[in-house]
Amino acid sequence: MSGNNSYGSSWADQWDHNPDPMPVAANSNKNTGGGGGGGVAGKYGKKVGVKTKEVAVTGAKKVKHGASVGIQWIKDKYHKTTAQKH
């Protein structure tokens, strides 16, 4: 079996003919200029983190409001059907 090269390769290696993307660590070294100044991540990381938190909070509020409206709609429907039975 050692003569067959396909046994040691993964599915992606056998069927994916696109080049692999560069690792994040290799790209960050180019952006820092080799000086270790933090690069792009150090420059914009805090701003992106704050924006991500704002988006997450806004999304959570929308989900909470949607769930509240949905539950109220179900309660109203149930109340209408039970009120007709009496």
N, C-alpha and C. Protein backbone atom coordinates (compact mmCIF):
# COMPACT_ATOMS: atom_id res chain seq x y z
N MET A 1 0.80 -1.19 0.00
CA MET A 1 0.00 0.00 0.00
C MET A 1 0.84 1.26 0.00
N SER A 2 2.08 1.16 0.39
CA SER A 2 2.92 2.35 0.48
C SER A 2 3.22 2.93 -0.90
N GLY A 3 3.03 2.15 -1.97
CA GLY A 3 3.29 2.66 -3.30
C GLY A 3 2.19 3.56 -3.82
N ASN A 4 1.01 3.51 -3.23
CA ASN A 4 -0.12 4.31 -3.68
C ASN A 4 -0.14 5.61 -2.89
N ASN A 5 0.04 6.74 -3.56
CA ASN A 5 0.12 8.04 -2.90
C ASN A 5 -1.22 8.55 -2.40
N SER A 6 -2.34 8.02 -2.90
CA SER A 6 -3.64 8.56 -2.51
C SER A 6 -4.03 8.17 -1.09
N TYR A 7 -3.42 7.15 -0.50
CA TYR A 7 -3.78 6.75 0.85
C TYR A 7 -3.33 7.76 1.89
N GLY A 8 -2.29 8.47 1.63
CA GLY A 8 -1.78 9.44 2.59
C GLY A 8 -2.38 10.82 2.44
N SER A 9 -3.15 11.03 1.39
CA SER A 9 -3.70 12.36 1.13
C SER A 9 -5.13 12.45 1.64
N SER A 10 -5.52 13.64 2.01
CA SER A 10 -6.89 13.87 2.43
C SER A 10 -7.77 14.07 1.21
N TRP A 11 -9.08 14.13 1.44
CA TRP A 11 -10.03 14.34 0.35
C TRP A 11 -9.72 15.65 -0.36
N ALA A 12 -9.44 16.70 0.41
CA ALA A 12 -9.16 18.01 -0.18
C ALA A 12 -7.90 17.97 -1.04
N ASP A 13 -6.90 17.24 -0.59
CA ASP A 13 -5.67 17.15 -1.36
C ASP A 13 -5.90 16.43 -2.68
N GLN A 14 -6.82 15.47 -2.70
CA GLN A 14 -7.08 14.70 -3.91
C GLN A 14 -7.98 15.44 -4.89
N TRP A 15 -8.98 16.19 -4.39
CA TRP A 15 -10.01 16.73 -5.27
C TRP A 15 -10.02 18.26 -5.37
N ASP A 16 -9.45 18.97 -4.42
CA ASP A 16 -9.43 20.42 -4.45
C ASP A 16 -8.17 20.89 -5.16
N HIS A 17 -8.33 21.49 -6.32
CA HIS A 17 -7.18 21.91 -7.11
C HIS A 17 -6.85 23.38 -6.92
N ASN A 18 -7.57 24.07 -6.05
CA ASN A 18 -7.29 25.48 -5.76
C ASN A 18 -6.12 25.57 -4.79
N PRO A 19 -5.33 26.63 -4.88
CA PRO A 19 -4.21 26.77 -3.94
C PRO A 19 -4.74 27.03 -2.53
N ASP A 20 -4.00 26.56 -1.53
CA ASP A 20 -4.39 26.78 -0.15
C ASP A 20 -4.19 28.26 0.21
N PRO A 21 -5.07 28.84 1.04
CA PRO A 21 -4.90 30.24 1.45
C PRO A 21 -3.70 30.38 2.38
N MET A 22 -3.17 31.57 2.43
CA MET A 22 -2.03 31.83 3.30
C MET A 22 -2.50 31.82 4.75
N PRO A 23 -1.71 31.27 5.67
CA PRO A 23 -2.07 31.30 7.09
C PRO A 23 -2.09 32.73 7.61
N VAL A 24 -2.89 32.99 8.63
CA VAL A 24 -3.02 34.33 9.19
C VAL A 24 -1.70 34.82 9.74
N ALA A 25 -0.95 33.97 10.38
CA ALA A 25 0.32 34.37 10.98
C ALA A 25 1.30 34.88 9.92
N ALA A 26 1.31 34.28 8.74
CA ALA A 26 2.22 34.71 7.69
C ALA A 26 1.82 36.08 7.17
N ASN A 27 0.54 36.37 7.08
CA ASN A 27 0.10 37.67 6.59
C ASN A 27 0.35 38.77 7.61
N SER A 28 0.21 38.48 8.90
CA SER A 28 0.38 39.52 9.91
C SER A 28 1.83 39.97 9.99
N ASN A 29 2.79 39.10 9.68
CA ASN A 29 4.18 39.50 9.71
C ASN A 29 4.48 40.52 8.62
N LYS A 30 3.82 40.41 7.49
CA LYS A 30 4.04 41.36 6.40
C LYS A 30 3.48 42.73 6.77
N ASN A 31 2.39 42.78 7.49
CA ASN A 31 1.75 44.05 7.83
C ASN A 31 2.49 44.80 8.92
N THR A 32 3.22 44.11 9.78
CA THR A 32 3.91 44.78 10.86
C THR A 32 5.22 45.39 10.41
N GLY A 33 5.72 44.99 9.27
CA GLY A 33 7.00 45.50 8.81
C GLY A 33 8.15 44.86 9.55
N GLY A 34 7.90 43.78 10.28
CA GLY A 34 8.96 43.08 11.00
C GLY A 34 9.32 43.72 12.31
N GLY A 35 8.69 44.83 12.67
CA GLY A 35 9.05 45.53 13.90
C GLY A 35 8.26 45.09 15.11
N GLY A 36 7.22 44.30 14.93
CA GLY A 36 6.44 43.85 16.07
C GLY A 36 5.55 44.94 16.64
N GLY A 37 5.11 45.88 15.82
CA GLY A 37 4.29 46.98 16.28
C GLY A 37 2.82 46.66 16.39
N GLY A 38 2.44 45.41 16.24
CA GLY A 38 1.03 45.05 16.39
C GLY A 38 0.33 44.89 15.07
N GLY A 39 0.77 45.59 14.06
CA GLY A 39 0.20 45.44 12.73
C GLY A 39 -1.25 45.88 12.65
N VAL A 40 -1.95 45.33 11.70
CA VAL A 40 -3.34 45.69 11.46
C VAL A 40 -4.21 45.27 12.63
N ALA A 41 -3.96 44.09 13.19
CA ALA A 41 -4.77 43.61 14.30
C ALA A 41 -4.66 44.53 15.51
N GLY A 42 -3.48 45.01 15.79
CA GLY A 42 -3.29 45.92 16.91
C GLY A 42 -3.92 47.27 16.66
N LYS A 43 -3.92 47.68 15.42
CA LYS A 43 -4.44 49.00 15.06
C LYS A 43 -5.96 49.04 15.08
N TYR A 44 -6.60 48.02 14.52
CA TYR A 44 -8.04 48.04 14.35
C TYR A 44 -8.78 47.03 15.22
N GLY A 45 -8.06 46.20 15.94
CA GLY A 45 -8.68 45.14 16.73
C GLY A 45 -9.67 45.66 17.75
N LYS A 46 -9.34 46.73 18.43
CA LYS A 46 -10.22 47.27 19.46
C LYS A 46 -11.48 47.85 18.83
N LYS A 47 -11.35 48.56 17.71
CA LYS A 47 -12.51 49.13 17.03
C LYS A 47 -13.43 48.03 16.53
N VAL A 48 -12.86 46.99 15.96
CA VAL A 48 -13.65 45.88 15.45
C VAL A 48 -14.35 45.17 16.59
N GLY A 49 -13.67 45.00 17.72
CA GLY A 49 -14.26 44.36 18.89
C GLY A 49 -15.45 45.14 19.41
N VAL A 50 -15.33 46.47 19.45
CA VAL A 50 -16.43 47.31 19.92
C VAL A 50 -17.60 47.22 18.96
N LYS A 51 -17.32 47.28 17.67
CA LYS A 51 -18.39 47.20 16.67
C LYS A 51 -19.07 45.83 16.71
N THR A 52 -18.30 44.79 16.89
CA THR A 52 -18.86 43.44 16.97
C THR A 52 -19.79 43.33 18.16
N LYS A 53 -19.39 43.91 19.28
CA LYS A 53 -20.23 43.87 20.48
C LYS A 53 -21.53 44.64 20.25
N GLU A 54 -21.45 45.80 19.60
CA GLU A 54 -22.65 46.58 19.31
C GLU A 54 -23.61 45.80 18.42
N VAL A 55 -23.07 45.14 17.41
CA VAL A 55 -23.91 44.35 16.50
C VAL A 55 -24.55 43.19 17.25
N ALA A 56 -23.79 42.55 18.12
CA ALA A 56 -24.33 41.42 18.89
C ALA A 56 -25.44 41.88 19.83
N VAL A 57 -25.26 43.02 20.48
CA VAL A 57 -26.28 43.54 21.39
C VAL A 57 -27.54 43.91 20.62
N THR A 58 -27.36 44.57 19.48
CA THR A 58 -28.51 44.94 18.65
C THR A 58 -29.25 43.69 18.17
N GLY A 59 -28.52 42.70 17.75
CA GLY A 59 -29.14 41.45 17.31
C GLY A 59 -29.90 40.76 18.43
N ALA A 60 -29.32 40.76 19.63
CA ALA A 60 -30.00 40.13 20.77
C ALA A 60 -31.29 40.87 21.10
N LYS A 61 -31.27 42.19 21.01
CA LYS A 61 -32.49 42.97 21.27
C LYS A 61 -33.57 42.65 20.24
N LYS A 62 -33.17 42.51 18.98
CA LYS A 62 -34.14 42.18 17.93
C LYS A 62 -34.74 40.80 18.14
N VAL A 63 -33.91 39.84 18.54
CA VAL A 63 -34.40 38.49 18.81
C VAL A 63 -35.37 38.51 19.98
N LYS A 64 -35.01 39.23 21.03
CA LYS A 64 -35.87 39.32 22.21
C LYS A 64 -37.22 39.95 21.85
N HIS A 65 -37.19 41.02 21.09
CA HIS A 65 -38.43 41.68 20.68
C HIS A 65 -39.27 40.76 19.79
N GLY A 66 -38.64 40.09 18.85
CA GLY A 66 -39.36 39.17 17.96
C GLY A 66 -39.99 38.02 18.73
N ALA A 67 -39.27 37.49 19.70
CA ALA A 67 -39.82 36.40 20.51
C ALA A 67 -41.00 36.90 21.33
N SER A 68 -40.88 38.09 21.88
CA SER A 68 -41.96 38.66 22.68
C SER A 68 -43.22 38.86 21.84
N VAL A 69 -43.05 39.41 20.64
CA VAL A 69 -44.18 39.62 19.74
C VAL A 69 -44.79 38.28 19.34
N GLY A 70 -43.97 37.29 19.06
CA GLY A 70 -44.46 35.97 18.67
C GLY A 70 -45.24 35.29 19.79
N ILE A 71 -44.74 35.38 21.02
CA ILE A 71 -45.45 34.78 22.15
C ILE A 71 -46.77 35.49 22.39
N GLN A 72 -46.79 36.81 22.27
CA GLN A 72 -48.04 37.56 22.45
C GLN A 72 -49.05 37.16 21.37
N TRP A 73 -48.60 36.95 20.15
CA TRP A 73 -49.50 36.53 19.06
C TRP A 73 -50.11 35.17 19.38
N ILE A 74 -49.28 34.25 19.89
CA ILE A 74 -49.79 32.92 20.26
C ILE A 74 -50.81 33.04 21.39
N LYS A 75 -50.52 33.87 22.39
CA LYS A 75 -51.46 34.06 23.49
C LYS A 75 -52.78 34.61 22.98
N ASP A 76 -52.72 35.59 22.08
CA ASP A 76 -53.95 36.17 21.52
C ASP A 76 -54.76 35.13 20.76
N LYS A 77 -54.10 34.31 19.95
CA LYS A 77 -54.78 33.26 19.20
C LYS A 77 -55.43 32.25 20.14
N TYR A 78 -54.72 31.86 21.18
CA TYR A 78 -55.26 30.90 22.15
C TYR A 78 -56.46 31.51 22.87
N HIS A 79 -56.35 32.77 23.25
CA HIS A 79 -57.44 33.44 23.97
C HIS A 79 -58.69 33.52 23.09
N LYS A 80 -58.52 33.79 21.79
CA LYS A 80 -59.68 33.87 20.89
C LYS A 80 -60.37 32.53 20.76
N THR A 81 -59.60 31.44 20.67
CA THR A 81 -60.22 30.11 20.50
C THR A 81 -60.88 29.65 21.78
N THR A 82 -60.31 29.94 22.94
CA THR A 82 -60.93 29.52 24.20
C THR A 82 -62.12 30.40 24.55
N ALA A 83 -62.11 31.67 24.16
CA ALA A 83 -63.24 32.56 24.45
C ALA A 83 -64.46 32.15 23.66
N GLN A 84 -64.28 31.59 22.46
CA GLN A 84 -65.41 31.15 21.65
C GLN A 84 -66.04 29.87 22.20
N LYS A 85 -65.31 29.07 22.92
CA LYS A 85 -65.82 27.82 23.45
C LYS A 85 -66.75 28.01 24.63
N HIS A 86 -66.62 29.12 25.35
CA HIS A 86 -67.43 29.35 26.56
C HIS A 86 -68.76 29.90 26.22
